[in-house]
Amino acid sequence: MYIDLYIDQLVKKLKTLNLNISDVYVIFMGGVAATLQEQLEKSVISSDIGFITDICATAKGYEALSANI
């Protein structure tokens, strides 16, 4: 399944960056969070994973950021 392959590649990439993500709260947002939530929860990325599943979350964040510039 392509989603499982994507998650495996994502986890491997994060590990190669030497990020100690097991000690932090990881948040996935937007379309990727909504689409991959189940698979990401099963992964070994972190024990604390948050999801903002609003597919417009990224756009809303940039809109709020630009309003404050």
N, C-alpha and C. Protein backbone atom coordinates (compact mmCIF):
# COMPACT_ATOMS: atom_id res chain seq x y z
N MET A 1 0.85 -1.18 0.00
CA MET A 1 0.00 0.00 0.00
C MET A 1 0.89 1.25 0.00
N TYR A 2 0.56 2.22 -0.81
CA TYR A 2 1.37 3.42 -0.96
C TYR A 2 1.45 4.25 0.32
N ILE A 3 0.36 4.29 1.09
CA ILE A 3 0.36 5.08 2.32
C ILE A 3 1.37 4.52 3.31
N ASP A 4 1.39 3.21 3.46
CA ASP A 4 2.35 2.59 4.38
C ASP A 4 3.78 2.86 3.94
N LEU A 5 4.04 2.80 2.66
CA LEU A 5 5.37 3.11 2.14
C LEU A 5 5.74 4.55 2.42
N TYR A 6 4.80 5.46 2.24
CA TYR A 6 5.04 6.88 2.51
C TYR A 6 5.37 7.10 3.99
N ILE A 7 4.61 6.46 4.87
CA ILE A 7 4.85 6.60 6.30
C ILE A 7 6.22 6.05 6.66
N ASP A 8 6.57 4.88 6.12
CA ASP A 8 7.90 4.31 6.37
C ASP A 8 9.00 5.26 5.93
N GLN A 9 8.85 5.86 4.75
CA GLN A 9 9.86 6.80 4.26
C GLN A 9 9.91 8.05 5.12
N LEU A 10 8.76 8.52 5.58
CA LEU A 10 8.72 9.69 6.45
C LEU A 10 9.44 9.43 7.77
N VAL A 11 9.16 8.29 8.38
CA VAL A 11 9.82 7.93 9.64
C VAL A 11 11.32 7.80 9.44
N LYS A 12 11.75 7.15 8.37
CA LYS A 12 13.18 7.01 8.10
C LYS A 12 13.84 8.37 7.90
N LYS A 13 13.18 9.26 7.18
CA LYS A 13 13.73 10.59 6.93
C LYS A 13 13.88 11.36 8.24
N LEU A 14 12.88 11.30 9.08
CA LEU A 14 12.95 12.00 10.36
C LEU A 14 14.09 11.44 11.22
N LYS A 15 14.29 10.13 11.18
CA LYS A 15 15.38 9.52 11.94
C LYS A 15 16.75 9.91 11.40
N THR A 16 16.88 10.06 10.07
CA THR A 16 18.17 10.43 9.49
C THR A 16 18.54 11.87 9.81
N LEU A 17 17.56 12.68 10.17
CA LEU A 17 17.83 14.08 10.54
C LEU A 17 18.31 14.20 11.98
N ASN A 18 18.42 13.05 12.67
CA ASN A 18 18.88 13.00 14.06
C ASN A 18 18.03 13.86 14.98
N LEU A 19 16.74 13.94 14.69
CA LEU A 19 15.83 14.65 15.56
C LEU A 19 15.36 13.69 16.65
N ASN A 20 15.42 14.14 17.88
CA ASN A 20 14.96 13.30 18.98
C ASN A 20 13.46 13.55 19.18
N ILE A 21 12.69 13.09 18.24
CA ILE A 21 11.26 13.40 18.24
C ILE A 21 10.46 12.56 19.22
N SER A 22 11.10 11.56 19.85
CA SER A 22 10.36 10.78 20.84
C SER A 22 10.13 11.58 22.12
N ASP A 23 10.84 12.70 22.27
CA ASP A 23 10.72 13.52 23.47
C ASP A 23 9.89 14.78 23.28
N VAL A 24 9.30 14.93 22.11
CA VAL A 24 8.53 16.14 21.83
C VAL A 24 7.12 15.78 21.37
N TYR A 25 6.26 16.77 21.41
CA TYR A 25 4.90 16.61 20.91
C TYR A 25 4.90 16.94 19.43
N VAL A 26 4.53 15.99 18.59
CA VAL A 26 4.53 16.16 17.15
C VAL A 26 3.11 16.47 16.68
N ILE A 27 2.98 17.50 15.85
CA ILE A 27 1.66 17.86 15.32
C ILE A 27 1.69 17.78 13.80
N PHE A 28 0.75 17.03 13.25
CA PHE A 28 0.54 16.98 11.81
C PHE A 28 -0.74 17.75 11.55
N MET A 29 -0.71 18.58 10.51
CA MET A 29 -1.89 19.40 10.25
C MET A 29 -2.24 19.44 8.78
N GLY A 30 -3.48 19.75 8.53
CA GLY A 30 -3.95 19.88 7.16
C GLY A 30 -4.32 18.55 6.54
N GLY A 31 -4.22 18.51 5.24
CA GLY A 31 -4.63 17.32 4.49
C GLY A 31 -3.86 16.08 4.85
N VAL A 32 -2.57 16.22 5.11
CA VAL A 32 -1.78 15.03 5.47
C VAL A 32 -2.26 14.44 6.79
N ALA A 33 -2.65 15.28 7.72
CA ALA A 33 -3.13 14.78 9.01
C ALA A 33 -4.44 14.02 8.83
N ALA A 34 -5.34 14.57 8.05
CA ALA A 34 -6.62 13.92 7.82
C ALA A 34 -6.47 12.61 7.08
N THR A 35 -5.55 12.58 6.13
CA THR A 35 -5.38 11.41 5.28
C THR A 35 -4.60 10.29 5.96
N LEU A 36 -3.59 10.67 6.73
CA LEU A 36 -2.65 9.68 7.25
C LEU A 36 -2.74 9.45 8.76
N GLN A 37 -3.74 9.99 9.42
CA GLN A 37 -3.82 9.93 10.87
C GLN A 37 -3.71 8.49 11.40
N GLU A 38 -4.47 7.59 10.86
CA GLU A 38 -4.46 6.21 11.36
C GLU A 38 -3.08 5.58 11.24
N GLN A 39 -2.44 5.75 10.09
CA GLN A 39 -1.12 5.16 9.89
C GLN A 39 -0.06 5.82 10.76
N LEU A 40 -0.15 7.14 10.91
CA LEU A 40 0.83 7.84 11.73
C LEU A 40 0.70 7.46 13.20
N GLU A 41 -0.50 7.23 13.66
CA GLU A 41 -0.70 6.80 15.05
C GLU A 41 -0.07 5.45 15.32
N LYS A 42 -0.02 4.60 14.31
CA LYS A 42 0.59 3.27 14.44
C LYS A 42 2.11 3.31 14.34
N SER A 43 2.66 4.39 13.81
CA SER A 43 4.10 4.47 13.59
C SER A 43 4.83 4.68 14.91
N VAL A 44 6.12 4.61 14.83
CA VAL A 44 6.96 4.79 16.03
C VAL A 44 7.58 6.19 16.06
N ILE A 45 6.93 7.15 15.43
CA ILE A 45 7.48 8.50 15.38
C ILE A 45 7.59 9.09 16.77
N SER A 46 6.54 9.03 17.53
CA SER A 46 6.50 9.65 18.84
C SER A 46 5.33 9.09 19.62
N SER A 47 5.45 9.15 20.93
CA SER A 47 4.32 8.71 21.74
C SER A 47 3.25 9.80 21.82
N ASP A 48 3.66 11.02 21.57
CA ASP A 48 2.72 12.15 21.60
C ASP A 48 2.57 12.73 20.21
N ILE A 49 1.46 12.39 19.56
CA ILE A 49 1.19 12.90 18.23
C ILE A 49 -0.16 13.59 18.25
N GLY A 50 -0.20 14.82 17.73
CA GLY A 50 -1.45 15.55 17.62
C GLY A 50 -1.83 15.71 16.17
N PHE A 51 -3.10 15.84 15.94
CA PHE A 51 -3.61 15.98 14.58
C PHE A 51 -4.59 17.14 14.50
N ILE A 52 -4.36 18.04 13.57
CA ILE A 52 -5.32 19.08 13.23
C ILE A 52 -5.79 18.70 11.83
N THR A 53 -6.96 18.10 11.77
CA THR A 53 -7.40 17.47 10.52
C THR A 53 -8.17 18.38 9.59
N ASP A 54 -8.28 19.65 9.94
CA ASP A 54 -8.91 20.61 9.04
C ASP A 54 -8.03 20.75 7.81
N ILE A 55 -8.55 20.40 6.65
CA ILE A 55 -7.71 20.42 5.44
C ILE A 55 -7.29 21.83 5.04
N CYS A 56 -7.89 22.83 5.65
CA CYS A 56 -7.51 24.22 5.38
C CYS A 56 -6.61 24.80 6.47
N ALA A 57 -6.13 23.96 7.38
CA ALA A 57 -5.37 24.44 8.54
C ALA A 57 -4.12 25.21 8.13
N THR A 58 -3.38 24.72 7.17
CA THR A 58 -2.16 25.39 6.76
C THR A 58 -2.47 26.76 6.17
N ALA A 59 -3.46 26.82 5.31
CA ALA A 59 -3.85 28.09 4.70
C ALA A 59 -4.33 29.08 5.76
N LYS A 60 -5.11 28.60 6.71
CA LYS A 60 -5.59 29.47 7.79
C LYS A 60 -4.44 30.00 8.63
N GLY A 61 -3.45 29.15 8.88
CA GLY A 61 -2.28 29.58 9.65
C GLY A 61 -1.50 30.66 8.93
N TYR A 62 -1.28 30.48 7.63
CA TYR A 62 -0.57 31.50 6.86
C TYR A 62 -1.38 32.79 6.75
N GLU A 63 -2.68 32.67 6.66
CA GLU A 63 -3.53 33.85 6.61
C GLU A 63 -3.41 34.63 7.90
N ALA A 64 -3.44 33.93 9.04
CA ALA A 64 -3.31 34.60 10.34
C ALA A 64 -1.93 35.22 10.48
N LEU A 65 -0.91 34.51 10.02
CA LEU A 65 0.45 35.04 10.08
C LEU A 65 0.60 36.30 9.24
N SER A 66 0.06 36.28 8.04
CA SER A 66 0.19 37.45 7.15
C SER A 66 -0.59 38.65 7.67
N ALA A 67 -1.64 38.41 8.42
CA ALA A 67 -2.43 39.51 8.99
C ALA A 67 -1.65 40.26 10.07
N ASN A 68 -0.64 39.59 10.64
CA ASN A 68 0.15 40.19 11.70
C ASN A 68 1.47 40.77 11.23
N ILE A 69 1.69 40.81 9.94
CA ILE A 69 2.95 41.34 9.39
C ILE A 69 2.81 42.82 9.13
